[in-house]
């Protein structure tokens, strides 16, 4: 067996290579965290259009956090009255999730579909309104039944009761 001696310069070079590799990962992580902070702050401050733009840029690089960021994007869409986008994103999320993650997506989905139903009814489109309200009812009923802790002040239950009344009146 032949042993190759490692010189001090060789060790220094390996150490620098290792540190540079670690630095890139740390910088990448810190960069992602900084970009997330910008998106989250925009959402919390009511700057929903900016929040949506930032979340859309983050999702492709989010790895295992992608679905969480998609849900936050859907929240921004919901709050900016982009109900169709909020419903589409959370419908997809709910279909691939289980447990609390599914219920979180369904809460946003149900809220968006309720708003879409109200808009359709306001425009005289009873058929679409009823379809949206029926979807909202199913989604919110599941959340309230399976995860009542996600509705601590009863706002989802109240929305669900309103939807049921609206459907009964149609």
N, C-alpha and C. Protein backbone atom coordinates (compact mmCIF):
# COMPACT_ATOMS: atom_id res chain seq x y z
N UNK A 1 0.84 -1.17 0.00
CA UNK A 1 0.00 0.00 0.00
C UNK A 1 0.88 1.23 0.00
N UNK A 2 0.58 2.14 -0.92
CA UNK A 2 1.38 3.35 -1.01
C UNK A 2 0.63 4.48 -0.31
N UNK A 3 1.28 5.22 0.55
CA UNK A 3 0.69 6.33 1.27
C UNK A 3 1.24 7.61 0.69
N UNK A 4 0.33 8.55 0.40
CA UNK A 4 0.76 9.83 -0.13
C UNK A 4 0.77 10.83 1.03
N UNK A 5 1.89 11.46 1.24
CA UNK A 5 1.94 12.42 2.33
C UNK A 5 1.10 13.65 2.01
N UNK A 6 0.42 14.18 3.02
CA UNK A 6 -0.37 15.40 2.85
C UNK A 6 0.45 16.55 3.42
N UNK A 7 0.66 17.52 2.59
CA UNK A 7 1.44 18.68 3.01
C UNK A 7 0.53 19.67 3.73
N UNK A 8 1.14 20.58 4.41
CA UNK A 8 0.39 21.63 5.10
C UNK A 8 -0.44 22.42 4.07
N UNK A 9 0.12 22.70 2.91
CA UNK A 9 -0.60 23.43 1.87
C UNK A 9 -1.81 22.61 1.40
N UNK A 10 -1.64 21.30 1.29
CA UNK A 10 -2.75 20.43 0.89
C UNK A 10 -3.87 20.44 1.91
N UNK A 11 -3.50 20.36 3.19
CA UNK A 11 -4.51 20.42 4.25
C UNK A 11 -5.23 21.77 4.27
N UNK A 12 -4.48 22.82 4.06
CA UNK A 12 -5.08 24.15 4.04
C UNK A 12 -6.06 24.25 2.88
N UNK A 13 -5.67 23.74 1.72
CA UNK A 13 -6.56 23.76 0.55
C UNK A 13 -7.84 22.98 0.80
N UNK A 14 -7.72 21.80 1.43
CA UNK A 14 -8.91 21.00 1.74
C UNK A 14 -9.81 21.73 2.74
N UNK A 15 -9.22 22.36 3.73
CA UNK A 15 -9.99 23.10 4.73
C UNK A 15 -10.73 24.26 4.08
N UNK A 16 -10.07 24.97 3.20
CA UNK A 16 -10.72 26.10 2.51
C UNK A 16 -11.86 25.60 1.64
N UNK A 17 -11.63 24.51 0.91
CA UNK A 17 -12.67 23.93 0.07
C UNK A 17 -13.87 23.53 0.91
N UNK A 18 -13.63 22.91 2.06
CA UNK A 18 -14.71 22.50 2.94
C UNK A 18 -15.49 23.71 3.46
N UNK A 19 -14.76 24.72 3.89
CA UNK A 19 -15.41 25.92 4.43
C UNK A 19 -16.20 26.67 3.36
N UNK A 20 -15.69 26.73 2.15
CA UNK A 20 -16.41 27.40 1.07
C UNK A 20 -17.70 26.64 0.79
N UNK A 21 -17.63 25.34 0.77
CA UNK A 21 -18.83 24.53 0.55
C UNK A 21 -19.85 24.76 1.64
N UNK A 22 -19.42 24.83 2.89
CA UNK A 22 -20.34 25.10 4.00
C UNK A 22 -20.89 26.50 3.91
N UNK A 23 -20.05 27.44 3.53
CA UNK A 23 -20.48 28.83 3.41
C UNK A 23 -21.59 28.98 2.38
N UNK A 24 -21.46 28.30 1.24
CA UNK A 24 -22.49 28.39 0.21
C UNK A 24 -23.82 27.89 0.73
N UNK A 25 -23.81 26.80 1.48
CA UNK A 25 -25.05 26.27 2.03
C UNK A 25 -25.64 27.24 3.05
N UNK A 26 -24.79 27.80 3.88
CA UNK A 26 -25.26 28.74 4.89
C UNK A 26 -25.81 30.01 4.24
N UNK A 27 -25.10 30.52 3.25
CA UNK A 27 -25.56 31.71 2.55
C UNK A 27 -26.87 31.41 1.83
N UNK A 28 -26.97 30.25 1.20
CA UNK A 28 -28.20 29.87 0.52
C UNK A 28 -29.37 29.79 1.48
N UNK A 29 -29.16 29.19 2.64
CA UNK A 29 -30.21 29.08 3.65
C UNK A 29 -30.61 30.45 4.17
N UNK A 30 -29.63 31.28 4.46
CA UNK A 30 -29.92 32.62 4.97
C UNK A 30 -30.63 33.45 3.90
N UNK A 31 -30.24 33.28 2.65
CA UNK A 31 -30.90 33.99 1.56
C UNK A 31 -32.36 33.58 1.44
N UNK A 32 -32.62 32.29 1.55
CA UNK A 32 -34.00 31.79 1.49
C UNK A 32 -34.80 32.33 2.67
N UNK A 33 -34.21 32.29 3.86
CA UNK A 33 -34.90 32.80 5.05
C UNK A 33 -35.21 34.28 4.91
N UNK A 34 -34.30 35.04 4.35
CA UNK A 34 -34.53 36.47 4.17
C UNK A 34 -35.66 36.71 3.16
N UNK A 35 -35.68 35.94 2.09
CA UNK A 35 -36.73 36.08 1.09
C UNK A 35 -38.09 35.66 1.67
N UNK A 36 -38.09 34.62 2.50
CA UNK A 36 -39.32 34.19 3.15
C UNK A 36 -39.82 35.28 4.09
N UNK A 37 -38.92 35.89 4.83
CA UNK A 37 -39.31 36.96 5.76
C UNK A 37 -39.97 38.11 5.01
N UNK A 38 -39.48 38.42 3.83
CA UNK A 38 -40.08 39.49 3.01
C UNK A 38 -41.50 39.09 2.60
N UNK A 39 -41.68 37.85 2.14
CA UNK A 39 -43.00 37.38 1.71
C UNK A 39 -43.97 37.36 2.89
N UNK A 40 -43.53 36.83 4.00
CA UNK A 40 -44.40 36.71 5.18
C UNK A 40 -44.78 38.09 5.73
N UNK A 41 -43.82 38.99 5.75
CA UNK A 41 -44.10 40.34 6.22
C UNK A 41 -45.11 41.03 5.32
N UNK A 42 -44.96 40.87 4.02
CA UNK A 42 -45.92 41.46 3.07
C UNK A 42 -47.32 40.90 3.33
N UNK A 43 -47.42 39.61 3.57
CA UNK A 43 -48.72 38.99 3.87
C UNK A 43 -49.31 39.57 5.15
N UNK A 44 -48.51 39.62 6.19
CA UNK A 44 -48.99 40.10 7.50
C UNK A 44 -49.34 41.58 7.48
N UNK A 45 -48.68 42.35 6.63
CA UNK A 45 -48.95 43.78 6.57
C UNK A 45 -50.04 44.14 5.57
N UNK A 46 -50.61 43.13 4.92
CA UNK A 46 -51.71 43.39 3.99
C UNK A 46 -51.28 43.76 2.59
N UNK A 47 -50.02 43.60 2.27
CA UNK A 47 -49.53 43.87 0.92
C UNK A 47 -49.59 42.55 0.14
N UNK A 48 -50.82 42.15 -0.19
CA UNK A 48 -51.06 40.81 -0.73
C UNK A 48 -50.48 40.57 -2.11
N UNK A 49 -50.49 41.58 -2.95
CA UNK A 49 -49.91 41.40 -4.29
C UNK A 49 -48.41 41.14 -4.19
N UNK A 50 -47.72 41.88 -3.34
CA UNK A 50 -46.27 41.66 -3.14
C UNK A 50 -46.05 40.29 -2.53
N UNK A 51 -46.87 39.91 -1.56
CA UNK A 51 -46.72 38.60 -0.92
C UNK A 51 -46.85 37.50 -1.96
N UNK A 52 -47.86 37.61 -2.83
CA UNK A 52 -48.04 36.57 -3.86
C UNK A 52 -46.81 36.47 -4.77
N UNK A 53 -46.29 37.63 -5.19
CA UNK A 53 -45.10 37.61 -6.06
C UNK A 53 -43.92 36.93 -5.36
N UNK A 54 -43.70 37.26 -4.10
CA UNK A 54 -42.56 36.69 -3.36
C UNK A 54 -42.74 35.19 -3.13
N UNK A 55 -43.95 34.78 -2.76
CA UNK A 55 -44.19 33.35 -2.55
C UNK A 55 -43.99 32.57 -3.84
N UNK A 56 -44.46 33.09 -4.95
CA UNK A 56 -44.29 32.39 -6.22
C UNK A 56 -42.82 32.17 -6.56
N UNK A 57 -41.97 33.12 -6.20
CA UNK A 57 -40.54 32.96 -6.45
C UNK A 57 -39.91 31.96 -5.50
N UNK A 58 -40.44 31.85 -4.29
CA UNK A 58 -39.86 30.96 -3.28
C UNK A 58 -40.23 29.49 -3.47
N UNK A 59 -41.45 29.23 -3.91
CA UNK A 59 -41.94 27.85 -3.96
C UNK A 59 -40.99 26.90 -4.71
N UNK A 60 -40.47 27.26 -5.89
CA UNK A 60 -39.61 26.32 -6.60
C UNK A 60 -38.32 25.94 -5.85
N UNK A 61 -37.87 26.77 -4.94
CA UNK A 61 -36.64 26.49 -4.21
C UNK A 61 -36.91 26.07 -2.77
N UNK A 62 -38.18 25.81 -2.42
CA UNK A 62 -38.55 25.54 -1.04
C UNK A 62 -38.39 24.10 -0.60
N UNK A 63 -38.19 23.18 -1.53
CA UNK A 63 -38.01 21.78 -1.16
C UNK A 63 -39.19 21.27 -0.35
N UNK A 64 -38.91 20.69 0.83
CA UNK A 64 -40.00 20.12 1.63
C UNK A 64 -40.96 21.17 2.21
N UNK A 65 -40.61 22.43 2.11
CA UNK A 65 -41.49 23.50 2.59
C UNK A 65 -42.42 24.03 1.51
N UNK A 66 -42.33 23.49 0.31
CA UNK A 66 -43.09 24.02 -0.82
C UNK A 66 -44.59 24.05 -0.55
N UNK A 67 -45.12 22.98 0.00
CA UNK A 67 -46.57 22.95 0.23
C UNK A 67 -47.00 23.98 1.27
N UNK A 68 -46.19 24.18 2.28
CA UNK A 68 -46.49 25.21 3.29
C UNK A 68 -46.49 26.60 2.64
N UNK A 69 -45.54 26.85 1.77
CA UNK A 69 -45.48 28.16 1.11
C UNK A 69 -46.62 28.32 0.12
N UNK A 70 -47.05 27.24 -0.51
CA UNK A 70 -48.21 27.31 -1.40
C UNK A 70 -49.46 27.68 -0.61
N UNK A 71 -49.59 27.15 0.61
CA UNK A 71 -50.72 27.50 1.44
C UNK A 71 -50.67 28.98 1.83
N UNK A 72 -49.50 29.48 2.15
CA UNK A 72 -49.37 30.90 2.48
C UNK A 72 -49.67 31.75 1.24
N UNK A 73 -49.23 31.30 0.09
CA UNK A 73 -49.57 31.99 -1.16
C UNK A 73 -51.09 32.03 -1.33
N UNK A 74 -51.75 30.91 -1.07
CA UNK A 74 -53.20 30.84 -1.20
C UNK A 74 -53.89 31.80 -0.23
N UNK A 75 -53.33 31.96 0.97
CA UNK A 75 -53.87 32.94 1.92
C UNK A 75 -53.79 34.34 1.32
N UNK A 76 -52.65 34.66 0.73
CA UNK A 76 -52.49 35.98 0.10
C UNK A 76 -53.48 36.15 -1.05
N UNK A 77 -53.68 35.10 -1.83
CA UNK A 77 -54.64 35.17 -2.93
C UNK A 77 -56.05 35.38 -2.39
N UNK A 78 -56.40 34.66 -1.35
CA UNK A 78 -57.72 34.80 -0.74
C UNK A 78 -57.94 36.23 -0.25
N UNK A 79 -56.96 36.76 0.43
CA UNK A 79 -57.09 38.11 1.00
C UNK A 79 -57.09 39.20 -0.07
N UNK A 80 -56.53 38.89 -1.23
CA UNK A 80 -56.54 39.89 -2.32
C UNK A 80 -57.74 39.70 -3.24
N UNK A 81 -58.70 38.89 -2.77
CA UNK A 81 -59.94 38.61 -3.52
C UNK A 81 -59.70 37.84 -4.80
N UNK A 82 -58.60 37.14 -4.90
CA UNK A 82 -58.31 36.26 -6.03
C UNK A 82 -58.79 34.85 -5.64
N UNK A 83 -60.11 34.73 -5.49
CA UNK A 83 -60.71 33.52 -4.94
C UNK A 83 -60.48 32.29 -5.81
N UNK A 84 -60.51 32.48 -7.12
CA UNK A 84 -60.28 31.35 -8.03
C UNK A 84 -58.90 30.76 -7.85
N UNK A 85 -57.88 31.62 -7.73
CA UNK A 85 -56.51 31.14 -7.54
C UNK A 85 -56.38 30.46 -6.18
N UNK A 86 -56.95 31.07 -5.15
CA UNK A 86 -56.88 30.48 -3.81
C UNK A 86 -57.53 29.09 -3.80
N UNK A 87 -58.67 28.98 -4.45
CA UNK A 87 -59.38 27.69 -4.49
C UNK A 87 -58.58 26.65 -5.27
N UNK A 88 -58.01 27.05 -6.40
CA UNK A 88 -57.25 26.10 -7.22
C UNK A 88 -56.03 25.57 -6.48
N UNK A 89 -55.29 26.46 -5.85
CA UNK A 89 -54.07 26.04 -5.14
C UNK A 89 -54.42 25.13 -3.97
N UNK A 90 -55.43 25.52 -3.19
CA UNK A 90 -55.74 24.73 -1.99
C UNK A 90 -56.48 23.44 -2.33
N UNK A 91 -57.19 23.40 -3.45
CA UNK A 91 -57.79 22.14 -3.87
C UNK A 91 -56.71 21.12 -4.16
N UNK A 92 -55.69 21.57 -4.89
CA UNK A 92 -54.56 20.69 -5.20
C UNK A 92 -53.84 20.25 -3.92
N UNK A 93 -53.61 21.19 -3.02
CA UNK A 93 -52.94 20.86 -1.75
C UNK A 93 -53.76 19.85 -0.94
N UNK A 94 -55.06 20.10 -0.81
CA UNK A 94 -55.91 19.22 -0.01
C UNK A 94 -55.91 17.80 -0.56
N UNK A 95 -55.83 17.67 -1.87
CA UNK A 95 -55.84 16.34 -2.48
C UNK A 95 -54.56 15.57 -2.25
N UNK A 96 -53.49 16.25 -1.83
CA UNK A 96 -52.21 15.56 -1.60
C UNK A 96 -51.81 15.54 -0.13
N UNK A 97 -52.67 16.06 0.74
CA UNK A 97 -52.35 16.17 2.16
C UNK A 97 -53.27 15.29 3.00
N UNK A 98 -52.86 15.10 4.25
CA UNK A 98 -53.69 14.41 5.23
C UNK A 98 -53.65 15.20 6.54
N UNK A 99 -54.54 14.85 7.43
CA UNK A 99 -54.52 15.43 8.77
C UNK A 99 -54.72 16.94 8.78
N UNK A 100 -53.98 17.60 9.68
CA UNK A 100 -54.11 19.04 9.84
C UNK A 100 -53.71 19.82 8.59
N UNK A 101 -52.74 19.32 7.85
CA UNK A 101 -52.33 20.02 6.62
C UNK A 101 -53.48 20.02 5.61
N UNK A 102 -54.19 18.91 5.52
CA UNK A 102 -55.36 18.85 4.62
C UNK A 102 -56.43 19.83 5.10
N UNK A 103 -56.69 19.82 6.39
CA UNK A 103 -57.72 20.71 6.94
C UNK A 103 -57.36 22.17 6.76
N UNK A 104 -56.10 22.52 6.90
CA UNK A 104 -55.68 23.92 6.69
C UNK A 104 -55.96 24.33 5.24
N UNK A 105 -55.65 23.44 4.31
CA UNK A 105 -55.93 23.73 2.90
C UNK A 105 -57.44 23.82 2.65
N UNK A 106 -58.20 22.91 3.26
CA UNK A 106 -59.65 22.92 3.07
C UNK A 106 -60.30 24.17 3.66
N UNK A 107 -59.76 24.69 4.74
CA UNK A 107 -60.31 25.91 5.34
C UNK A 107 -60.21 27.07 4.35
N UNK A 108 -59.06 27.20 3.70
CA UNK A 108 -58.89 28.27 2.71
C UNK A 108 -59.75 27.98 1.49
N UNK A 109 -59.75 26.73 1.05
CA UNK A 109 -60.56 26.34 -0.11
C UNK A 109 -62.04 26.64 0.13
N UNK A 110 -62.55 26.21 1.28
CA UNK A 110 -63.96 26.42 1.59
C UNK A 110 -64.32 27.90 1.65
N UNK A 111 -63.43 28.70 2.22
CA UNK A 111 -63.66 30.14 2.30
C UNK A 111 -63.69 30.75 0.91
N UNK A 112 -62.73 30.37 0.07
CA UNK A 112 -62.68 30.89 -1.30
C UNK A 112 -63.92 30.48 -2.09
N UNK A 113 -64.31 29.22 -1.97
CA UNK A 113 -65.50 28.75 -2.70
C UNK A 113 -66.76 29.45 -2.21
N UNK A 114 -66.85 29.73 -0.91
CA UNK A 114 -67.99 30.48 -0.39
C UNK A 114 -68.06 31.86 -1.03
N UNK A 115 -66.92 32.54 -1.06
CA UNK A 115 -66.88 33.87 -1.67
C UNK A 115 -67.23 33.81 -3.16
N UNK A 116 -66.75 32.79 -3.84
CA UNK A 116 -67.07 32.62 -5.26
C UNK A 116 -68.57 32.38 -5.45
N UNK A 117 -69.14 31.60 -4.55
CA UNK A 117 -70.57 31.34 -4.60
C UNK A 117 -71.39 32.60 -4.40
N UNK A 118 -70.97 33.43 -3.46
CA UNK A 118 -71.68 34.68 -3.19
C UNK A 118 -71.60 35.62 -4.40
N UNK A 119 -70.45 35.66 -5.02
CA UNK A 119 -70.29 36.50 -6.22
C UNK A 119 -71.20 35.99 -7.34
N UNK A 120 -71.19 34.68 -7.56
CA UNK A 120 -72.02 34.11 -8.62
C UNK A 120 -73.50 34.39 -8.36
N UNK A 121 -73.93 34.21 -7.12
CA UNK A 121 -75.33 34.47 -6.80
C UNK A 121 -75.67 35.95 -7.00
N UNK A 122 -74.73 36.81 -6.63
CA UNK A 122 -74.93 38.25 -6.82
C UNK A 122 -75.05 38.64 -8.28
N UNK A 123 -74.48 37.84 -9.15
CA UNK A 123 -74.55 38.09 -10.59
C UNK A 123 -75.72 37.35 -11.24
N UNK A 124 -76.52 36.69 -10.40
CA UNK A 124 -77.68 35.98 -10.92
C UNK A 124 -77.41 34.59 -11.45
N UNK A 125 -76.20 34.07 -11.24
CA UNK A 125 -75.83 32.74 -11.72
C UNK A 125 -76.06 31.72 -10.59
N UNK A 126 -77.31 31.29 -10.48
CA UNK A 126 -77.70 30.40 -9.39
C UNK A 126 -77.00 29.04 -9.47
N UNK A 127 -76.87 28.50 -10.67
CA UNK A 127 -76.26 27.18 -10.81
C UNK A 127 -74.81 27.19 -10.33
N UNK A 128 -74.02 28.16 -10.78
CA UNK A 128 -72.62 28.24 -10.34
C UNK A 128 -72.54 28.57 -8.85
N UNK A 129 -73.40 29.47 -8.41
CA UNK A 129 -73.42 29.83 -7.00
C UNK A 129 -73.66 28.62 -6.12
N UNK A 130 -74.64 27.83 -6.49
CA UNK A 130 -74.98 26.63 -5.72
C UNK A 130 -73.82 25.63 -5.73
N UNK A 131 -73.17 25.48 -6.89
CA UNK A 131 -72.04 24.54 -6.98
C UNK A 131 -70.89 24.98 -6.08
N UNK A 132 -70.59 26.28 -6.09
CA UNK A 132 -69.52 26.79 -5.23
C UNK A 132 -69.87 26.63 -3.75
N UNK A 133 -71.11 26.95 -3.41
CA UNK A 133 -71.53 26.84 -2.01
C UNK A 133 -71.52 25.38 -1.54
N UNK A 134 -71.89 24.47 -2.41
CA UNK A 134 -71.88 23.04 -2.06
C UNK A 134 -70.45 22.57 -1.80
N UNK A 135 -69.52 23.01 -2.65
CA UNK A 135 -68.11 22.65 -2.44
C UNK A 135 -67.59 23.26 -1.13
N UNK A 136 -67.97 24.50 -0.87
CA UNK A 136 -67.55 25.17 0.36
C UNK A 136 -68.08 24.43 1.58
N UNK A 137 -69.34 24.04 1.52
CA UNK A 137 -69.98 23.32 2.62
C UNK A 137 -69.23 22.02 2.93
N UNK A 138 -68.91 21.26 1.90
CA UNK A 138 -68.19 19.99 2.11
C UNK A 138 -66.82 20.20 2.74
N UNK A 139 -66.10 21.19 2.24
CA UNK A 139 -64.75 21.45 2.74
C UNK A 139 -64.78 21.91 4.20
N UNK A 140 -65.63 22.89 4.48
CA UNK A 140 -65.67 23.43 5.84
C UNK A 140 -66.24 22.43 6.84
N UNK A 141 -67.20 21.63 6.41
CA UNK A 141 -67.76 20.60 7.29
C UNK A 141 -66.68 19.61 7.71
N UNK A 142 -65.81 19.25 6.78
CA UNK A 142 -64.71 18.33 7.12
C UNK A 142 -63.76 18.94 8.13
N UNK A 143 -63.41 20.20 7.93
CA UNK A 143 -62.48 20.88 8.86
C UNK A 143 -63.09 20.94 10.25
N UNK A 144 -64.33 21.40 10.34
CA UNK A 144 -64.99 21.57 11.64
C UNK A 144 -65.14 20.23 12.35
N UNK A 145 -65.44 19.18 11.59
CA UNK A 145 -65.63 17.86 12.19
C UNK A 145 -64.31 17.22 12.62
N UNK A 146 -63.31 17.24 11.73
CA UNK A 146 -62.06 16.52 12.00
C UNK A 146 -61.06 17.31 12.83
N UNK A 147 -61.09 18.62 12.73
CA UNK A 147 -60.12 19.45 13.46
C UNK A 147 -60.80 20.69 14.06
N UNK A 148 -61.70 20.48 15.00
CA UNK A 148 -62.40 21.63 15.60
C UNK A 148 -61.45 22.62 16.28
N UNK A 149 -60.27 22.15 16.66
CA UNK A 149 -59.27 23.03 17.27
C UNK A 149 -58.76 24.08 16.29
N UNK A 150 -58.99 23.88 15.00
CA UNK A 150 -58.57 24.85 14.00
C UNK A 150 -59.60 25.99 13.87
N UNK A 151 -60.67 25.91 14.63
CA UNK A 151 -61.72 26.93 14.61
C UNK A 151 -62.02 27.36 16.05
N UNK A 152 -61.03 27.92 16.74
CA UNK A 152 -61.20 28.20 18.17
C UNK A 152 -62.27 29.24 18.50
N UNK A 153 -62.56 30.15 17.59
CA UNK A 153 -63.59 31.15 17.89
C UNK A 153 -64.88 30.91 17.10
N UNK A 154 -64.93 29.83 16.35
CA UNK A 154 -66.16 29.45 15.67
C UNK A 154 -66.44 30.15 14.35
N UNK A 155 -65.45 30.81 13.78
CA UNK A 155 -65.71 31.52 12.53
C UNK A 155 -65.99 30.57 11.37
N UNK A 156 -65.30 29.44 11.32
CA UNK A 156 -65.57 28.47 10.25
C UNK A 156 -66.94 27.84 10.44
N UNK A 157 -67.28 27.52 11.69
CA UNK A 157 -68.60 26.95 11.97
C UNK A 157 -69.70 27.96 11.61
N UNK A 158 -69.47 29.22 11.89
CA UNK A 158 -70.43 30.25 11.53
C UNK A 158 -70.59 30.38 10.04
N UNK A 159 -69.48 30.34 9.33
CA UNK A 159 -69.52 30.41 7.86
C UNK A 159 -70.26 29.19 7.31
N UNK A 160 -70.00 28.02 7.90
CA UNK A 160 -70.66 26.79 7.47
C UNK A 160 -72.18 26.89 7.69
N UNK A 161 -72.59 27.41 8.82
CA UNK A 161 -74.03 27.58 9.10
C UNK A 161 -74.67 28.53 8.08
N UNK A 162 -73.95 29.59 7.74
CA UNK A 162 -74.44 30.55 6.75
C UNK A 162 -74.59 29.89 5.39
N UNK A 163 -73.62 29.08 5.01
CA UNK A 163 -73.66 28.38 3.72
C UNK A 163 -74.86 27.42 3.68
N UNK A 164 -75.05 26.69 4.76
CA UNK A 164 -76.18 25.75 4.81
C UNK A 164 -77.50 26.50 4.65
N UNK A 165 -77.62 27.63 5.29
CA UNK A 165 -78.84 28.43 5.18
C UNK A 165 -79.02 28.94 3.76
N UNK A 166 -77.93 29.40 3.16
CA UNK A 166 -78.00 29.90 1.78
C UNK A 166 -78.42 28.79 0.82
N UNK A 167 -77.85 27.60 0.99
CA UNK A 167 -78.21 26.49 0.12
C UNK A 167 -79.67 26.09 0.30
N UNK A 168 -80.12 26.12 1.53
CA UNK A 168 -81.51 25.74 1.80
C UNK A 168 -82.49 26.72 1.13
N UNK A 169 -82.07 27.98 1.08
CA UNK A 169 -82.93 29.02 0.47
C UNK A 169 -82.94 28.96 -1.05
N UNK A 170 -82.00 28.27 -1.65
CA UNK A 170 -81.93 28.23 -3.13
C UNK A 170 -82.92 27.24 -3.71
